């Protein structure tokens, strides 16, 4: 009775898996050498173990780098025949790589300008970075001063214009006051007919004064009464 097909699957036992890997690896390398010698073929073999260890083989008359470079050229030419846009895609890939490298360099430079990641820099690189910062500070200060001067000039212009407007307003107000004063100081026609002096009205008996400047003796009560009362009342007063 013949043996059936063996089902290939991962060996669970770690020791058995390592032993099998060593045997099959040696056999694979031996077969690659045989086909290279017997058939004069360029053979390149690369094997990585589960632990990441590299095992490789290349033909004696060809190096691993040469075979891989030939493989890349062949793969690119074959893809170019199958896809006409493969060259554009390759150019895009190269452009992407250049842009990515440029972006990383700019990010690194920015971090260094901020004072980060300075440990790997040499003294010369630090001096260049310092000079770059000094130059940047000079440009920043120059721009700041220019903006300040422009702002001051603009404020001075506004101040001069405001002063002119203020002077114009004061002159206009002064002219209005002068016109108003001239209109109020002119005489009114209705008041010009009023006489300058009016005769004084004396109420009560006049009291003549002496010419010598001395005051005359005041009249007695009877004299005052006789001068003010009618004759019929004087008789009754005298009887008393």
Protein backbone atom coordinates (compact mmCIF):
# COMPACT_ATOMS: atom_id res chain seq x y z
CA UNK A 1 0.00 0.00 0.00
CA UNK A 2 1.52 3.36 -1.10
CA UNK A 3 1.92 6.36 1.13
CA UNK A 4 -0.48 9.22 0.62
CA UNK A 5 0.53 12.84 0.07
CA UNK A 6 2.09 14.48 3.10
CA UNK A 7 0.26 17.58 4.25
CA UNK A 8 2.64 20.47 4.85
CA UNK A 9 1.99 22.52 7.93
CA UNK A 10 3.89 24.39 10.59
CA UNK A 11 5.87 22.24 13.03
CA UNK A 12 4.63 23.06 16.49
CA UNK A 13 7.61 21.68 18.40
CA UNK A 14 10.26 24.39 18.54
CA UNK A 15 13.25 22.02 18.64
CA UNK A 16 11.97 19.90 15.77
CA UNK A 17 11.22 23.05 13.79
CA UNK A 18 14.78 24.33 14.25
CA UNK A 19 16.30 20.96 13.26
CA UNK A 20 14.11 20.78 10.16
CA UNK A 21 15.06 24.35 9.20
CA UNK A 22 18.78 23.55 9.42
CA UNK A 23 18.43 20.41 7.28
CA UNK A 24 16.23 22.00 4.64
CA UNK A 25 18.38 25.13 4.54
CA UNK A 26 21.53 23.18 3.87
CA UNK A 27 19.74 21.14 1.23
CA UNK A 28 18.39 24.29 -0.44
CA UNK A 29 21.83 25.91 -0.52
CA UNK A 30 23.30 22.71 -1.95
CA UNK A 31 20.68 22.57 -4.70
CA UNK A 32 21.30 26.25 -5.55
CA UNK A 33 25.03 25.57 -5.86
CA UNK A 34 24.41 22.52 -8.03
CA UNK A 35 22.16 24.34 -10.49
CA UNK A 36 24.63 27.21 -10.67
CA UNK A 37 27.57 24.92 -11.49
CA UNK A 38 25.81 22.39 -13.71
CA UNK A 39 23.77 24.85 -15.74
CA UNK A 40 26.06 27.92 -15.57
CA UNK A 41 23.17 29.93 -14.18
CA UNK A 42 23.25 33.03 -12.03
CA UNK A 43 21.61 32.05 -8.77
CA UNK A 44 20.89 34.23 -5.76
CA UNK A 45 19.32 32.77 -2.64
CA UNK A 46 18.25 34.71 0.47
CA UNK A 47 16.85 33.04 3.58
CA UNK A 48 15.89 34.59 6.93
CA UNK A 49 15.33 32.40 9.94
CA UNK A 50 12.55 32.93 12.48
CA UNK A 51 15.08 34.78 14.65
CA UNK A 52 15.98 37.13 11.79
CA UNK A 53 19.34 35.58 10.90
CA UNK A 54 20.34 35.95 7.24
CA UNK A 55 21.52 33.08 5.04
CA UNK A 56 22.43 33.83 1.44
CA UNK A 57 24.06 32.24 -1.59
CA UNK A 58 25.12 33.65 -4.93
CA UNK A 59 26.89 32.17 -7.92
CA UNK A 60 30.68 32.23 -7.92
CA UNK A 61 30.86 34.32 -11.11
CA UNK A 62 28.20 36.83 -9.99
CA UNK A 63 27.71 38.86 -6.84
CA UNK A 64 24.50 39.16 -4.90
CA UNK A 65 24.27 42.92 -5.63
CA UNK A 66 24.73 42.38 -9.37
CA UNK A 67 22.04 39.70 -9.52
CA UNK A 68 19.59 41.82 -7.52
CA UNK A 69 20.27 44.87 -9.69
CA UNK A 70 19.66 42.80 -12.80
CA UNK A 71 16.46 41.49 -11.27
CA UNK A 72 15.20 45.01 -10.57
CA UNK A 73 15.96 46.17 -14.13
CA UNK A 74 14.27 43.15 -15.60
CA UNK A 75 11.22 43.54 -13.39
CA UNK A 76 10.93 47.22 -14.31
CA UNK A 77 11.25 46.53 -18.05
CA UNK A 78 8.68 43.76 -17.86
CA UNK A 79 6.25 45.96 -15.96
CA UNK A 80 6.85 48.78 -18.45
CA UNK A 81 5.82 46.49 -21.31
CA UNK A 82 2.71 45.39 -19.49
CA UNK A 83 1.82 48.88 -18.20
CA UNK A 84 2.85 51.93 -20.31
CA UNK A 85 2.38 54.24 -17.30
CA UNK A 86 4.90 52.35 -15.19
CA UNK A 87 7.59 54.92 -16.00
CA UNK A 88 5.42 57.76 -14.72
CA UNK A 89 4.69 55.76 -11.61
CA UNK A 90 8.40 55.21 -11.10
CA UNK A 91 9.00 58.94 -11.50
CA UNK A 92 6.28 59.61 -8.98
CA UNK A 93 7.93 57.19 -6.60
CA UNK A 94 11.27 58.95 -7.01
CA UNK A 95 9.64 62.34 -6.54
CA UNK A 96 7.88 61.09 -3.43
CA UNK A 97 11.19 59.86 -2.03
CA UNK A 98 12.88 63.21 -2.69
CA UNK A 99 10.02 65.18 -1.17
CA UNK A 100 9.95 62.92 1.86
CA UNK A 101 13.70 63.35 2.40
CA UNK A 102 13.38 67.12 2.00
CA UNK A 103 10.50 67.23 4.49
CA UNK A 104 12.48 65.24 7.04
CA UNK A 105 15.46 67.56 6.61
CA UNK A 106 13.26 70.64 7.08
CA UNK A 107 11.64 69.18 10.18
CA UNK A 108 15.05 68.35 11.60
CA UNK A 109 16.30 71.88 10.89
CA UNK A 110 13.20 73.36 12.50
CA UNK A 111 13.69 71.29 15.65
CA UNK A 112 17.32 72.37 15.82
CA UNK A 113 16.32 76.02 15.46
CA UNK A 114 14.00 75.50 18.43
CA UNK A 115 16.92 74.13 20.45
CA UNK A 116 16.04 70.45 20.13
CA UNK A 117 18.16 67.49 19.00
CA UNK A 118 21.45 69.38 19.36
CA UNK A 119 23.44 66.48 20.82
CA UNK A 120 24.61 64.93 17.51
CA UNK A 121 25.80 68.31 16.15
CA UNK A 122 29.49 69.17 16.06
CA UNK A 123 31.02 72.49 17.10
CA UNK A 124 31.15 73.67 13.49
CA UNK A 125 27.50 72.78 12.93
CA UNK A 126 26.53 74.57 16.15
CA UNK A 127 28.44 77.67 15.02
CA UNK A 128 26.64 77.60 11.67
CA UNK A 129 23.32 77.25 13.49
CA UNK A 130 24.22 80.20 15.72
CA UNK A 131 25.10 82.35 12.71
CA UNK A 132 21.83 81.39 11.07
CA UNK A 133 19.90 82.40 14.19
CA UNK A 134 21.78 85.74 14.39
CA UNK A 135 20.97 86.47 10.76
CA UNK A 136 17.32 85.59 11.32
CA UNK A 137 17.18 87.87 14.38
CA UNK A 138 18.66 90.75 12.37
CA UNK A 139 16.02 90.36 9.68
CA UNK A 140 13.27 90.13 12.29
CA UNK A 141 14.45 93.25 14.12
CA UNK A 142 14.83 95.18 10.87
CA UNK A 143 11.30 94.29 9.84
CA UNK A 144 9.94 95.17 13.29
CA UNK A 145 11.68 98.57 13.27
CA UNK A 146 10.38 99.30 9.78
CA UNK A 147 6.83 98.54 10.87
CA UNK A 148 7.24 100.74 13.95
CA UNK A 149 8.57 103.65 11.86
CA UNK A 150 5.70 103.30 9.41
CA UNK A 151 3.21 103.28 12.28
CA UNK A 152 4.78 106.39 13.86
CA UNK A 153 4.73 108.23 10.52
CA UNK A 154 1.09 107.36 10.03
CA UNK A 155 0.24 108.58 13.53
CA UNK A 156 2.12 111.84 12.92
CA UNK A 157 0.17 112.43 9.71
CA UNK A 158 -3.11 111.81 11.52
CA UNK A 159 -2.02 114.19 14.32
CA UNK A 160 -1.20 116.96 11.82
CA UNK A 161 -4.55 116.49 10.09
CA UNK A 162 -6.37 116.58 13.44
CA UNK A 163 -4.50 119.77 14.40
CA UNK A 164 -5.49 121.40 11.11
CA UNK A 165 -9.12 120.45 11.63
CA UNK A 166 -9.01 121.83 15.17
CA UNK A 167 -7.51 125.15 14.00
CA UNK A 168 -10.11 125.45 11.24
CA UNK A 169 -12.89 124.81 13.74
CA UNK A 170 -11.49 127.46 16.13
CA UNK A 171 -11.19 130.02 13.33
CA UNK A 172 -14.76 129.35 12.22
CA UNK A 173 -16.04 129.74 15.79
CA UNK A 174 -14.06 133.00 16.20
CA UNK A 175 -15.51 134.43 12.99
CA UNK A 176 -19.03 133.54 14.09
CA UNK A 177 -18.45 135.26 17.44
CA UNK A 178 -17.16 138.39 15.71
CA UNK A 179 -20.17 138.52 13.41
CA UNK A 180 -22.55 137.99 16.32
CA UNK A 181 -20.85 140.76 18.38
CA UNK A 182 -21.02 143.21 15.47
CA UNK A 183 -24.75 142.57 15.01
CA UNK A 184 -25.54 143.08 18.73
CA UNK A 185 -23.42 146.29 19.13
CA UNK A 186 -25.26 148.29 16.37
CA UNK A 187 -27.96 150.76 17.89
CA UNK A 188 -31.63 149.98 17.44
CA UNK A 189 -33.75 152.60 15.57
CA UNK A 190 -36.57 152.46 18.15
CA UNK A 191 -34.23 153.32 21.01
CA UNK A 192 -32.58 156.29 19.27
CA UNK A 193 -35.68 158.49 19.79
CA UNK A 194 -35.61 158.08 23.57
CA UNK A 195 -34.23 161.29 25.19
CA UNK A 196 -30.98 161.00 27.06
CA UNK A 197 -32.31 162.54 30.25
CA UNK A 198 -35.73 162.55 31.81
CA UNK A 199 -36.88 165.15 34.36
CA UNK A 200 -36.90 163.78 37.86
CA UNK A 201 -40.20 163.63 39.63
CA UNK A 202 -40.14 164.91 43.19
CA UNK A 203 -42.79 163.40 45.35
CA UNK A 204 -43.52 165.26 48.55
CA UNK A 205 -42.59 168.80 49.65
CA UNK A 206 -39.38 170.23 48.35
CA UNK A 207 -36.72 171.07 50.83
CA UNK A 208 -34.72 174.13 49.78
CA UNK A 209 -31.13 174.23 50.82
CA UNK A 210 -29.04 177.20 51.70
CA UNK A 211 -26.59 178.68 49.36
CA UNK A 212 -23.83 178.67 51.89
CA UNK A 213 -23.51 174.96 51.91
CA UNK A 214 -24.86 174.70 55.48
CA UNK A 215 -27.99 172.76 56.09
CA UNK A 216 -30.95 174.76 57.35
CA UNK A 217 -32.65 173.79 60.63
CA UNK A 218 -35.28 171.18 60.27
CA UNK A 219 -38.88 172.52 60.57
CA UNK A 220 -40.90 171.75 63.62
CA UNK A 221 -43.72 169.27 63.70
CA UNK A 222 -46.30 172.03 63.62
CA UNK A 223 -44.69 173.54 60.55
CA UNK A 224 -44.62 170.21 58.84
CA UNK A 225 -48.21 169.56 59.70
CA UNK A 226 -49.27 173.05 58.66
CA UNK A 227 -47.55 172.57 55.35
CA UNK A 228 -49.28 169.27 54.66
CA UNK A 229 -52.78 169.63 56.21
CA UNK A 230 -55.63 171.69 54.76
CA UNK A 231 -56.69 174.88 56.56
CA UNK A 232 -59.83 173.42 58.11
CA UNK A 233 -57.77 170.78 59.85
CA UNK A 234 -55.17 173.27 61.01
CA UNK A 235 -57.73 175.10 63.15
CA UNK A 236 -58.52 171.96 65.09
CA UNK A 237 -54.86 171.21 65.58
CA UNK A 238 -54.06 174.70 66.83
CA UNK A 239 -56.91 174.56 69.34
CA UNK A 240 -55.36 171.52 70.88
